[in-house]
PDB file of N, CA and C in Angstrom:
ATOM      1  N   UNK A   1     107.866  82.337 144.873  1.00  0.00           N
ATOM      2  CA  UNK A   1     106.612  82.849 145.402  1.00  0.00           C
ATOM      3  C   UNK A   1     106.535  82.658 147.017  1.00  0.00           C
ATOM      4  N   UNK A   2     106.151  83.639 147.661  1.00  0.00           N
ATOM      5  CA  UNK A   2     106.031  83.488 149.170  1.00  0.00           C
ATOM      6  C   UNK A   2     105.110  82.360 149.507  1.00  0.00           C
ATOM      7  N   UNK A   3     105.378  81.941 150.662  1.00  0.00           N
ATOM      8  CA  UNK A   3     104.554  80.761 151.240  1.00  0.00           C
ATOM      9  C   UNK A   3     103.083  81.084 151.002  1.00  0.00           C
ATOM     10  N   UNK A   4     102.667  82.229 151.401  1.00  0.00           N
ATOM     11  CA  UNK A   4     101.228  82.637 151.341  1.00  0.00           C
ATOM     12  C   UNK A   4     100.779  82.391 149.892  1.00  0.00           C
ATOM     13  N   UNK A   5     101.592  82.814 148.967  1.00  0.00           N
ATOM     14  CA  UNK A   5     101.105  82.880 147.610  1.00  0.00           C
ATOM     15  C   UNK A   5     100.946  81.397 147.208  1.00  0.00           C
ATOM     16  N   UNK A   6     101.819  80.501 147.617  1.00  0.00           N
ATOM     17  CA  UNK A   6     101.568  79.008 147.216  1.00  0.00           C
ATOM     18  C   UNK A   6     100.256  78.494 147.943  1.00  0.00           C
ATOM     19  N   UNK A   7     100.081  78.885 149.051  1.00  0.00           N
ATOM     20  CA  UNK A   7      98.826  78.444 149.957  1.00  0.00           C
ATOM     21  C   UNK A   7      97.568  78.926 149.185  1.00  0.00           C
ATOM     22  N   UNK A   8      97.604  80.240 148.680  1.00  0.00           N
ATOM     23  CA  UNK A   8      96.416  80.849 148.076  1.00  0.00           C
ATOM     24  C   UNK A   8      96.272  80.260 146.609  1.00  0.00           C
ATOM     25  N   UNK A   9      97.260  79.910 145.918  1.00  0.00           N
ATOM     26  CA  UNK A   9      97.148  79.250 144.646  1.00  0.00           C
ATOM     27  C   UNK A   9      96.415  77.870 144.892  1.00  0.00           C
ATOM     28  N   UNK A  10      96.812  77.057 145.958  1.00  0.00           N
ATOM     29  CA  UNK A  10      96.159  75.882 146.187  1.00  0.00           C
ATOM     30  C   UNK A  10      94.691  76.164 146.615  1.00  0.00           C
ATOM     31  N   UNK A  11      94.476  77.091 147.387  1.00  0.00           N
ATOM     32  CA  UNK A  11      93.124  77.341 147.885  1.00  0.00           C
ATOM     33  C   UNK A  11      92.114  78.000 146.695  1.00  0.00           C
ATOM     34  N   UNK A  12      92.676  78.859 145.894  1.00  0.00           N
ATOM     35  CA  UNK A  12      91.885  79.603 144.848  1.00  0.00           C
ATOM     36  C   UNK A  12      91.979  78.901 143.524  1.00  0.00           C
ATOM     37  N   UNK A  13      92.754  77.971 143.391  1.00  0.00           N
ATOM     38  CA  UNK A  13      92.804  77.079 142.199  1.00  0.00           C
ATOM     39  C   UNK A  13      93.758  77.617 140.993  1.00  0.00           C
ATOM     40  N   UNK A  14      94.022  78.929 141.045  1.00  0.00           N
ATOM     41  CA  UNK A  14      94.765  79.516 139.984  1.00  0.00           C
ATOM     42  C   UNK A  14      95.699  80.488 140.543  1.00  0.00           C
ATOM     43  N   UNK A  15      96.932  80.797 139.804  1.00  0.00           N
ATOM     44  CA  UNK A  15      97.727  81.813 140.266  1.00  0.00           C
ATOM     45  C   UNK A  15      97.033  83.243 139.956  1.00  0.00           C
ATOM     46  N   UNK A  16      97.602  84.253 140.535  1.00  0.00           N
ATOM     47  CA  UNK A  16      96.877  85.584 140.368  1.00  0.00           C
ATOM     48  C   UNK A  16      96.962  86.052 138.923  1.00  0.00           C
ATOM     49  N   UNK A  17      98.023  85.763 138.162  1.00  0.00           N
ATOM     50  CA  UNK A  17      98.135  86.319 136.809  1.00  0.00           C
ATOM     51  C   UNK A  17      97.168  85.539 135.863  1.00  0.00           C
ATOM     52  N   UNK A  18      96.612  84.409 136.328  1.00  0.00           N
ATOM     53  CA  UNK A  18      95.602  83.642 135.437  1.00  0.00           C
ATOM     54  C   UNK A  18      94.337  83.950 135.745  1.00  0.00           C
ATOM     55  N   UNK A  19      94.054  84.466 137.032  1.00  0.00           N
ATOM     56  CA  UNK A  19      92.651  84.638 137.607  1.00  0.00           C
ATOM     57  C   UNK A  19      92.547  85.877 138.569  1.00  0.00           C
ATOM     58  N   UNK A  20      92.997  87.122 138.065  1.00  0.00           N
ATOM     59  CA  UNK A  20      92.985  88.155 139.077  1.00  0.00           C
ATOM     60  C   UNK A  20      91.597  88.372 139.683  1.00  0.00           C
ATOM     61  N   UNK A  21      90.454  88.166 138.854  1.00  0.00           N
ATOM     62  CA  UNK A  21      89.228  88.400 139.467  1.00  0.00           C
ATOM     63  C   UNK A  21      88.797  87.568 140.599  1.00  0.00           C
ATOM     64  N   UNK A  22      89.365  86.235 140.487  1.00  0.00           N
ATOM     65  CA  UNK A  22      89.165  85.327 141.624  1.00  0.00           C
ATOM     66  C   UNK A  22      89.801  85.740 142.937  1.00  0.00           C
ATOM     67  N   UNK A  23      91.154  86.183 142.745  1.00  0.00           N
ATOM     68  CA  UNK A  23      91.837  86.691 143.903  1.00  0.00           C
ATOM     69  C   UNK A  23      91.148  87.933 144.398  1.00  0.00           C
ATOM     70  N   UNK A  24      90.852  88.768 143.623  1.00  0.00           N
ATOM     71  CA  UNK A  24      90.152  90.053 144.080  1.00  0.00           C
ATOM     72  C   UNK A  24      88.863  89.689 144.892  1.00  0.00           C
ATOM     73  N   UNK A  25      88.105  88.761 144.339  1.00  0.00           N
ATOM     74  CA  UNK A  25      86.872  88.287 145.030  1.00  0.00           C
ATOM     75  C   UNK A  25      87.124  87.754 146.469  1.00  0.00           C
ATOM     76  N   UNK A  26      88.225  87.045 146.567  1.00  0.00           N
ATOM     77  CA  UNK A  26      88.628  86.447 147.801  1.00  0.00           C
ATOM     78  C   UNK A  26      89.272  87.458 148.882  1.00  0.00           C
ATOM     79  N   UNK A  27      89.597  88.572 148.450  1.00  0.00           N
ATOM     80  CA  UNK A  27      90.175  89.537 149.285  1.00  0.00           C
ATOM     81  C   UNK A  27      89.297  90.400 150.090  1.00  0.00           C
ATOM     82  N   UNK A  28      89.354  90.379 151.428  1.00  0.00           N
ATOM     83  CA  UNK A  28      88.535  91.412 152.192  1.00  0.00           C
ATOM     84  C   UNK A  28      88.638  92.892 151.813  1.00  0.00           C
ATOM     85  N   UNK A  29      89.879  93.179 151.311  1.00  0.00           N
ATOM     86  CA  UNK A  29      90.146  94.565 150.992  1.00  0.00           C
ATOM     87  C   UNK A  29      89.105  95.099 149.910  1.00  0.00           C
ATOM     88  N   UNK A  30      88.604  94.266 149.126  1.00  0.00           N
ATOM     89  CA  UNK A  30      87.788  94.702 148.094  1.00  0.00           C
ATOM     90  C   UNK A  30      86.358  94.512 148.350  1.00  0.00           C
ATOM     91  N   UNK A  31      85.940  94.249 149.593  1.00  0.00           N
ATOM     92  CA  UNK A  31      84.563  94.222 150.046  1.00  0.00           C
ATOM     93  C   UNK A  31      84.320  95.120 151.003  1.00  0.00           C
ATOM     94  N   UNK A  32      85.195  96.067 151.341  1.00  0.00           N
ATOM     95  CA  UNK A  32      84.957  97.195 152.322  1.00  0.00           C
ATOM     96  C   UNK A  32      83.920  98.138 151.828  1.00  0.00           C
ATOM     97  N   UNK A  33      83.034  98.486 152.742  1.00  0.00           N
ATOM     98  CA  UNK A  33      81.986  99.617 152.464  1.00  0.00           C
ATOM     99  C   UNK A  33      81.685 100.329 153.665  1.00  0.00           C
ATOM    100  N   UNK A  34      80.956 101.276 153.568  1.00  0.00           N
ATOM    101  CA  UNK A  34      80.517 102.107 154.785  1.00  0.00           C
ATOM    102  C   UNK A  34      79.580 101.199 155.659  1.00  0.00           C
ATOM    103  N   UNK A  35      79.064 100.125 155.229  1.00  0.00           N
ATOM    104  CA  UNK A  35      78.149  99.157 155.982  1.00  0.00           C
ATOM    105  C   UNK A  35      79.023  98.076 156.602  1.00  0.00           C
ATOM    106  N   UNK A  36      80.280  97.996 156.171  1.00  0.00           N
ATOM    107  CA  UNK A  36      81.178  97.047 156.899  1.00  0.00           C
ATOM    108  C   UNK A  36      80.994  97.044 158.441  1.00  0.00           C
ATOM    109  N   UNK A  37      81.146  95.849 159.015  1.00  0.00           N
ATOM    110  CA  UNK A  37      81.079  95.818 160.478  1.00  0.00           C
ATOM    111  C   UNK A  37      82.356  96.429 161.194  1.00  0.00           C
ATOM    112  N   UNK A  38      82.173  96.904 162.312  1.00  0.00           N
ATOM    113  CA  UNK A  38      83.392  97.391 163.116  1.00  0.00           C
ATOM    114  C   UNK A  38      84.393  96.213 163.186  1.00  0.00           C
ATOM    115  N   UNK A  39      85.740  96.418 162.871  1.00  0.00           N
ATOM    116  CA  UNK A  39      86.687  95.444 162.849  1.00  0.00           C
ATOM    117  C   UNK A  39      87.801  95.527 163.868  1.00  0.00           C
ATOM    118  N   UNK A  40      88.168  94.481 164.360  1.00  0.00           N
ATOM    119  CA  UNK A  40      89.385  94.378 165.138  1.00  0.00           C
ATOM    120  C   UNK A  40      90.356  93.428 164.607  1.00  0.00           C
ATOM    121  N   UNK A  41      91.529  93.873 164.190  1.00  0.00           N
ATOM    122  CA  UNK A  41      92.593  93.014 163.545  1.00  0.00           C
ATOM    123  C   UNK A  41      93.788  92.995 164.510  1.00  0.00           C
ATOM    124  N   UNK A  42      94.243  91.652 164.647  1.00  0.00           N
ATOM    125  CA  UNK A  42      95.489  91.379 165.337  1.00  0.00           C
ATOM    126  C   UNK A  42      96.434  90.675 164.360  1.00  0.00           C
ATOM    127  N   UNK A  43      97.599  91.334 164.303  1.00  0.00           N
ATOM    128  CA  UNK A  43      98.549  90.890 163.329  1.00  0.00           C
ATOM    129  C   UNK A  43      99.942  90.773 163.935  1.00  0.00           C
ATOM    130  N   UNK A  44     100.712  89.693 163.745  1.00  0.00           N
ATOM    131  CA  UNK A  44     102.085  89.559 164.242  1.00  0.00           C
ATOM    132  C   UNK A  44     103.033  90.204 163.253  1.00  0.00           C
ATOM    133  N   UNK A  45     103.977  91.012 163.731  1.00  0.00           N
ATOM    134  CA  UNK A  45     104.966  91.711 162.847  1.00  0.00           C
ATOM    135  C   UNK A  45     105.991  90.762 162.273  1.00  0.00           C
ATOM    136  N   UNK A  46     105.959  89.459 162.755  1.00  0.00           N
ATOM    137  CA  UNK A  46     106.929  88.496 162.241  1.00  0.00           C
ATOM    138  C   UNK A  46     106.188  87.401 161.515  1.00  0.00           C
ATOM    139  N   UNK A  47     104.859  87.647 160.947  1.00  0.00           N
ATOM    140  CA  UNK A  47     104.019  86.721 160.386  1.00  0.00           C
ATOM    141  C   UNK A  47     104.732  86.302 159.053  1.00  0.00           C
ATOM    142  N   UNK A  48     105.087  85.085 158.890  1.00  0.00           N
ATOM    143  CA  UNK A  48     105.860  84.532 157.810  1.00  0.00           C
ATOM    144  C   UNK A  48     104.796  84.282 156.565  1.00  0.00           C
ATOM    145  N   UNK A  49     103.525  84.214 156.731  1.00  0.00           N
ATOM    146  CA  UNK A  49     102.569  83.857 155.832  1.00  0.00           C
ATOM    147  C   UNK A  49     101.805  85.086 155.224  1.00  0.00           C
ATOM    148  N   UNK A  50     101.562  86.041 156.079  1.00  0.00           N
ATOM    149  CA  UNK A  50     100.707  87.040 155.567  1.00  0.00           C
ATOM    150  C   UNK A  50     101.501  88.375 156.043  1.00  0.00           C
ATOM    151  N   UNK A  51     101.893  89.148 155.075  1.00  0.00           N
ATOM    152  CA  UNK A  51     102.676  90.385 155.418  1.00  0.00           C
ATOM    153  C   UNK A  51     101.746  91.397 156.249  1.00  0.00           C
ATOM    154  N   UNK A  52     102.327  91.960 157.301  1.00  0.00           N
ATOM    155  CA  UNK A  52     101.594  92.943 157.977  1.00  0.00           C
ATOM    156  C   UNK A  52     101.023  94.027 157.246  1.00  0.00           C
ATOM    157  N   UNK A  53     101.540  94.463 156.025  1.00  0.00           N
ATOM    158  CA  UNK A  53     100.969  95.441 155.344  1.00  0.00           C
ATOM    159  C   UNK A  53      99.608  95.115 154.806  1.00  0.00           C
ATOM    160  N   UNK A  54      99.310  93.872 154.744  1.00  0.00           N
ATOM    161  CA  UNK A  54      97.856  93.479 154.299  1.00  0.00           C
ATOM    162  C   UNK A  54      96.951  93.977 155.206  1.00  0.00           C
ATOM    163  N   UNK A  55      97.247  93.699 156.604  1.00  0.00           N
ATOM    164  CA  UNK A  55      96.329  94.242 157.709  1.00  0.00           C
ATOM    165  C   UNK A  55      96.172  95.786 157.772  1.00  0.00           C
ATOM    166  N   UNK A  56      97.426  96.368 157.513  1.00  0.00           N
ATOM    167  CA  UNK A  56      97.482  97.937 157.439  1.00  0.00           C
ATOM    168  C   UNK A  56      96.527  98.398 156.426  1.00  0.00           C
ATOM    169  N   UNK A  57      96.714  97.832 155.225  1.00  0.00           N
ATOM    170  CA  UNK A  57      95.898  98.311 154.012  1.00  0.00           C
ATOM    171  C   UNK A  57      94.388  98.061 154.283  1.00  0.00           C
ATOM    172  N   UNK A  58      94.073  96.947 154.911  1.00  0.00           N
ATOM    173  CA  UNK A  58      92.516  96.743 155.215  1.00  0.00           C
ATOM    174  C   UNK A  58      92.036  97.632 156.162  1.00  0.00           C
ATOM    175  N   UNK A  59      92.940  97.902 157.317  1.00  0.00           N
ATOM    176  CA  UNK A  59      92.561  98.875 158.216  1.00  0.00           C
ATOM    177  C   UNK A  59      92.283 100.264 157.767  1.00  0.00           C
ATOM    178  N   UNK A  60      93.212 100.660 156.841  1.00  0.00           N
ATOM    179  CA  UNK A  60      93.120 102.070 156.239  1.00  0.00           C
ATOM    180  C   UNK A  60      91.901 102.090 155.364  1.00  0.00           C
ATOM    181  N   UNK A  61      91.625 101.028 154.560  1.00  0.00           N
ATOM    182  CA  UNK A  61      90.336 101.059 153.717  1.00  0.00           C
ATOM    183  C   UNK A  61      89.165 101.077 154.607  1.00  0.00           C
ATOM    184  N   UNK A  62      89.050 100.484 155.704  1.00  0.00           N
ATOM    185  CA  UNK A  62      87.963 100.543 156.557  1.00  0.00           C
ATOM    186  C   UNK A  62      87.810 102.103 157.155  1.00  0.00           C
ATOM    187  N   UNK A  63      88.882 102.536 157.605  1.00  0.00           N
ATOM    188  CA  UNK A  63      88.921 104.074 158.055  1.00  0.00           C
ATOM    189  C   UNK A  63      88.393 104.821 156.899  1.00  0.00           C
ATOM    190  N   UNK A  64      88.845 104.733 155.782  1.00  0.00           N
ATOM    191  CA  UNK A  64      88.404 105.664 154.655  1.00  0.00           C
ATOM    192  C   UNK A  64      86.918 105.604 154.423  1.00  0.00           C
ATOM    193  N   UNK A  65      86.388 104.189 154.607  1.00  0.00           N
ATOM    194  CA  UNK A  65      84.944 104.013 154.475  1.00  0.00           C
ATOM    195  C   UNK A  65      84.127 104.567 155.684  1.00  0.00           C
ATOM    196  N   UNK A  66      84.800 105.014 156.747  1.00  0.00           N
ATOM    197  CA  UNK A  66      84.056 105.494 157.909  1.00  0.00           C
ATOM    198  C   UNK A  66      83.701 104.439 158.922  1.00  0.00           C
ATOM    199  N   UNK A  67      84.346 103.210 158.805  1.00  0.00           N
ATOM    200  CA  UNK A  67      84.198 102.074 159.762  1.00  0.00           C
ATOM    201  C   UNK A  67      85.220 102.211 160.858  1.00  0.00           C
ATOM    202  N   UNK A  68      84.710 101.846 162.077  1.00  0.00           N
ATOM    203  CA  UNK A  68      85.515 101.843 163.180  1.00  0.00           C
ATOM    204  C   UNK A  68      86.354 100.547 163.001  1.00  0.00           C
ATOM    205  N   UNK A  69      87.714 100.709 163.179  1.00  0.00           N
ATOM    206  CA  UNK A  69      88.639  99.681 163.089  1.00  0.00           C
ATOM    207  C   UNK A  69      89.787  99.822 164.066  1.00  0.00           C
ATOM    208  N   UNK A  70      90.202  98.783 164.618  1.00  0.00           N
ATOM    209  CA  UNK A  70      91.388  98.761 165.478  1.00  0.00           C
ATOM    210  C   UNK A  70      92.372  97.677 165.156  1.00  0.00           C
ATOM    211  N   UNK A  71      93.508  98.102 164.772  1.00  0.00           N
ATOM    212  CA  UNK A  71      94.659  97.177 164.298  1.00  0.00           C
ATOM    213  C   UNK A  71      95.566  97.048 165.435  1.00  0.00           C
ATOM    214  N   UNK A  72      95.971  95.978 166.050  1.00  0.00           N
ATOM    215  CA  UNK A  72      97.049  95.774 166.957  1.00  0.00           C
ATOM    216  C   UNK A  72      98.118  94.889 166.297  1.00  0.00           C
ATOM    217  N   UNK A  73      99.206  95.440 166.095  1.00  0.00           N
ATOM    218  CA  UNK A  73     100.372  94.710 165.620  1.00  0.00           C
ATOM    219  C   UNK A  73     101.155  94.195 166.791  1.00  0.00           C
ATOM    220  N   UNK A  74     101.203  92.961 166.927  1.00  0.00           N
ATOM    221  CA  UNK A  74     101.927  92.266 168.077  1.00  0.00           C
ATOM    222  C   UNK A  74     103.421  92.088 167.779  1.00  0.00           C
ATOM    223  N   UNK A  75     104.315  92.922 168.405  1.00  0.00           N
ATOM    224  CA  UNK A  75     105.863  92.749 168.104  1.00  0.00           C
ATOM    225  C   UNK A  75     106.353  91.456 168.445  1.00  0.00           C
ATOM    226  N   UNK A  76     106.903  90.812 167.445  1.00  0.00           N
ATOM    227  CA  UNK A  76     107.504  89.498 167.791  1.00  0.00           C
ATOM    228  C   UNK A  76     106.645  88.251 167.524  1.00  0.00           C
ATOM    229  N   UNK A  77     105.395  88.492 167.229  1.00  0.00           N
ATOM    230  CA  UNK A  77     104.460  87.337 166.910  1.00  0.00           C
ATOM    231  C   UNK A  77     104.443  87.003 165.553  1.00  0.00           C
ATOM    232  N   UNK A  78     104.281  85.744 165.248  1.00  0.00           N
ATOM    233  CA  UNK A  78     104.333  85.119 163.851  1.00  0.00           C
ATOM    234  C   UNK A  78     102.777  85.076 163.546  1.00  0.00           C
ATOM    235  N   UNK A  79     102.542  83.950 162.788  1.00  0.00           N
ATOM    236  CA  UNK A  79     101.030  83.699 162.354  1.00  0.00           C
ATOM    237  C   UNK A  79     100.420  82.804 163.308  1.00  0.00           C
ATOM    238  N   UNK A  80     100.138  83.271 164.587  1.00  0.00           N
ATOM    239  CA  UNK A  80      99.466  82.569 165.462  1.00  0.00           C
ATOM    240  C   UNK A  80      99.909  82.983 166.891  1.00  0.00           C
ATOM    241  N   UNK A  81      99.295  82.448 167.877  1.00  0.00           N
ATOM    242  CA  UNK A  81      99.669  82.844 169.321  1.00  0.00           C
ATOM    243  C   UNK A  81     100.813  82.050 169.762  1.00  0.00           C
ATOM    244  N   UNK A  82     102.008  82.246 169.230  1.00  0.00           N
ATOM    245  CA  UNK A  82     103.089  81.503 169.602  1.00  0.00           C
ATOM    246  C   UNK A  82     104.286  82.558 169.884  1.00  0.00           C
ATOM    247  N   UNK A  83     105.318  81.861 170.188  1.00  0.00           N
ATOM    248  CA  UNK A  83     106.547  82.713 170.458  1.00  0.00           C
ATOM    249  C   UNK A  83     107.006  82.716 171.868  1.00  0.00           C
ATOM    250  N   UNK A  84     107.743  83.500 172.322  1.00  0.00           N
ATOM    251  CA  UNK A  84     108.358  83.556 173.697  1.00  0.00           C
ATOM    252  C   UNK A  84     107.211  83.963 174.693  1.00  0.00           C
ATOM    253  N   UNK A  85     107.416  83.780 175.879  1.00  0.00           N
ATOM    254  CA  UNK A  85     106.392  84.046 176.896  1.00  0.00           C
ATOM    255  C   UNK A  85     106.015  85.579 176.834  1.00  0.00           C
ATOM    256  N   UNK A  86     106.930  86.470 176.600  1.00  0.00           N
ATOM    257  CA  UNK A  86     106.590  87.867 176.459  1.00  0.00           C
ATOM    258  C   UNK A  86     105.809  88.166 175.355  1.00  0.00           C
ATOM    259  N   UNK A  87     106.103  87.387 174.130  1.00  0.00           N
ATOM    260  CA  UNK A  87     105.240  87.640 172.940  1.00  0.00           C
ATOM    261  C   UNK A  87     103.800  87.104 173.159  1.00  0.00           C
ATOM    262  N   UNK A  88     103.758  85.946 173.861  1.00  0.00           N
ATOM    263  CA  UNK A  88     102.320  85.338 174.159  1.00  0.00           C
ATOM    264  C   UNK A  88     101.603  86.266 175.049  1.00  0.00           C
ATOM    265  N   UNK A  89     102.308  86.833 176.067  1.00  0.00           N
ATOM    266  CA  UNK A  89     101.590  87.829 176.936  1.00  0.00           C
ATOM    267  C   UNK A  89     101.086  88.970 176.109  1.00  0.00           C
ATOM    268  N   UNK A  90     101.876  89.488 175.198  1.00  0.00           N
ATOM    269  CA  UNK A  90     101.431  90.744 174.338  1.00  0.00           C
ATOM    270  C   UNK A  90     100.136  90.268 173.583  1.00  0.00           C
ATOM    271  N   UNK A  91     100.210  89.134 173.134  1.00  0.00           N
ATOM    272  CA  UNK A  91      99.129  88.582 172.200  1.00  0.00           C
ATOM    273  C   UNK A  91      97.837  88.414 173.048  1.00  0.00           C
ATOM    274  N   UNK A  92      98.009  87.877 174.280  1.00  0.00           N
ATOM    275  CA  UNK A  92      96.787  87.747 175.161  1.00  0.00           C
ATOM    276  C   UNK A  92      96.256  89.099 175.567  1.00  0.00           C
ATOM    277  N   UNK A  93      97.099  90.103 175.632  1.00  0.00           N
ATOM    278  CA  UNK A  93      96.534  91.535 175.928  1.00  0.00           C
ATOM    279  C   UNK A  93      95.820  91.933 174.724  1.00  0.00           C
ATOM    280  N   UNK A  94      96.263  91.657 173.574  1.00  0.00           N
ATOM    281  CA  UNK A  94      95.500  92.066 172.294  1.00  0.00           C
ATOM    282  C   UNK A  94      94.234  91.264 172.245  1.00  0.00           C
ATOM    283  N   UNK A  95      94.179  89.989 172.668  1.00  0.00           N
ATOM    284  CA  UNK A  95      92.930  89.282 172.699  1.00  0.00           C
ATOM    285  C   UNK A  95      91.915  89.900 173.700  1.00  0.00           C
ATOM    286  N   UNK A  96      92.575  90.361 174.819  1.00  0.00           N
ATOM    287  CA  UNK A  96      91.571  90.978 175.847  1.00  0.00           C
ATOM    288  C   UNK A  96      91.095  92.249 175.256  1.00  0.00           C
ATOM    289  N   UNK A  97      91.817  92.987 174.603  1.00  0.00           N
ATOM    290  CA  UNK A  97      91.405  94.266 174.015  1.00  0.00           C
ATOM    291  C   UNK A  97      90.181  93.884 172.955  1.00  0.00           C
ATOM    292  N   UNK A  98      90.475  92.856 172.182  1.00  0.00           N
ATOM    293  CA  UNK A  98      89.552  92.363 171.136  1.00  0.00           C
ATOM    294  C   UNK A  98      88.168  92.008 171.787  1.00  0.00           C
ATOM    295  N   UNK A  99      88.143  91.322 172.920  1.00  0.00           N
ATOM    296  CA  UNK A  99      87.020  90.938 173.544  1.00  0.00           C
ATOM    297  C   UNK A  99      86.220  92.254 174.116  1.00  0.00           C
ATOM    298  N   UNK A 100      86.914  93.154 174.533  1.00  0.00           N
ATOM    299  CA  UNK A 100      86.301  94.360 175.096  1.00  0.00           C
ATOM    300  C   UNK A 100      85.611  95.129 173.871  1.00  0.00           C
ATOM    301  N   UNK A 101      86.338  95.153 172.704  1.00  0.00           N
ATOM    302  CA  UNK A 101      85.833  95.696 171.508  1.00  0.00           C
ATOM    303  C   UNK A 101      84.595  95.074 171.053  1.00  0.00           C
ATOM    304  N   UNK A 102      84.629  93.575 170.988  1.00  0.00           N
ATOM    305  CA  UNK A 102      83.367  92.866 170.623  1.00  0.00           C
ATOM    306  C   UNK A 102      82.219  93.019 171.633  1.00  0.00           C
ATOM    307  N   UNK A 103      82.559  93.133 172.955  1.00  0.00           N
ATOM    308  CA  UNK A 103      81.488  93.410 173.991  1.00  0.00           C
ATOM    309  C   UNK A 103      80.854  94.770 173.690  1.00  0.00           C
ATOM    310  N   UNK A 104      81.683  95.724 173.328  1.00  0.00           N
ATOM    311  CA  UNK A 104      81.174  97.113 173.229  1.00  0.00           C
ATOM    312  C   UNK A 104      80.223  97.049 171.997  1.00  0.00           C
ATOM    313  N   UNK A 105      80.661  96.453 170.787  1.00  0.00           N
ATOM    314  CA  UNK A 105      79.866  96.483 169.630  1.00  0.00           C
ATOM    315  C   UNK A 105      78.715  95.468 169.567  1.00  0.00           C
ATOM    316  N   UNK A 106      78.979  94.284 170.019  1.00  0.00           N
ATOM    317  CA  UNK A 106      78.006  93.261 169.911  1.00  0.00           C
ATOM    318  C   UNK A 106      76.898  93.301 170.984  1.00  0.00           C
ATOM    319  N   UNK A 107      77.267  93.602 172.168  1.00  0.00           N
ATOM    320  CA  UNK A 107      76.288  93.738 173.308  1.00  0.00           C
ATOM    321  C   UNK A 107      75.599  95.124 173.161  1.00  0.00           C
ATOM    322  N   UNK A 108      76.200  96.057 172.508  1.00  0.00           N
ATOM    323  CA  UNK A 108      75.560  97.341 172.382  1.00  0.00           C
ATOM    324  C   UNK A 108      74.428  97.243 171.256  1.00  0.00           C
ATOM    325  N   UNK A 109      74.879  96.379 170.263  1.00  0.00           N
ATOM    326  CA  UNK A 109      73.761  96.103 169.170  1.00  0.00           C
ATOM    327  C   UNK A 109      72.676  95.263 169.758  1.00  0.00           C
ATOM    328  N   UNK A 110      72.966  94.252 170.540  1.00  0.00           N
ATOM    329  CA  UNK A 110      71.948  93.446 171.094  1.00  0.00           C
ATOM    330  C   UNK A 110      70.978  94.315 172.041  1.00  0.00           C
ATOM    331  N   UNK A 111      71.543  95.083 172.828  1.00  0.00           N
ATOM    332  CA  UNK A 111      70.672  95.827 173.684  1.00  0.00           C
ATOM    333  C   UNK A 111      69.816  96.866 172.845  1.00  0.00           C
ATOM    334  N   UNK A 112      70.340  97.309 171.850  1.00  0.00           N
ATOM    335  CA  UNK A 112      69.567  98.309 170.987  1.00  0.00           C
ATOM    336  C   UNK A 112      68.441  97.541 170.131  1.00  0.00           C
ATOM    337  N   UNK A 113      68.723  96.298 169.818  1.00  0.00           N
ATOM    338  CA  UNK A 113      67.678  95.687 169.110  1.00  0.00           C
ATOM    339  C   UNK A 113      66.515  95.065 170.123  1.00  0.00           C
ATOM    340  N   UNK A 114      66.953  94.836 171.406  1.00  0.00           N
ATOM    341  CA  UNK A 114      65.895  94.572 172.417  1.00  0.00           C
ATOM    342  C   UNK A 114      64.945  95.592 172.635  1.00  0.00           C
ATOM    343  N   UNK A 115      65.588  96.816 172.686  1.00  0.00           N
ATOM    344  CA  UNK A 115      64.730  98.087 172.935  1.00  0.00           C
ATOM    345  C   UNK A 115      63.831  98.333 171.747  1.00  0.00           C
ATOM    346  N   UNK A 116      64.063  98.107 170.558  1.00  0.00           N
ATOM    347  CA  UNK A 116      63.245  98.364 169.482  1.00  0.00           C
ATOM    348  C   UNK A 116      62.190  97.363 169.402  1.00  0.00           C
ATOM    349  N   UNK A 117      62.371  96.054 169.823  1.00  0.00           N
ATOM    350  CA  UNK A 117      61.380  94.969 169.732  1.00  0.00           C
ATOM    351  C   UNK A 117      60.058  95.340 170.539  1.00  0.00           C
ATOM    352  N   UNK A 118      60.492  96.075 171.706  1.00  0.00           N
ATOM    353  CA  UNK A 118      59.266  96.315 172.565  1.00  0.00           C
ATOM    354  C   UNK A 118      58.530  97.614 172.150  1.00  0.00           C
ATOM    355  N   UNK A 119      59.072  98.403 171.240  1.00  0.00           N
ATOM    356  CA  UNK A 119      58.466  99.508 170.702  1.00  0.00           C
ATOM    357  C   UNK A 119      57.231  99.318 169.886  1.00  0.00           C
TER     358      UNK A 119
END
């Protein structure tokens, strides 16, 4: 079983084949709807814990639901902001993009709610 599988068994209490409903409930993939929040995902293509296809599947499900999503796969990055200086630089650029995404969505919503309070 991959490392992530062992971690999830410890976290969820039972292996998938004994409790698929528990695993499904824990997966963000099965909670996507048209009302899901805009989502920014950063994933390393060398992640030993979570396969990159998990983020790709989540991003596609969000797109299919009509939710704005941005997936940045950082080449050479594992499961964290580690690696060579070049990899860390790519990860930092992805974080800067994420901050701009959050500013656009969160500050935009904050401004809209302020405008409706005075109405």
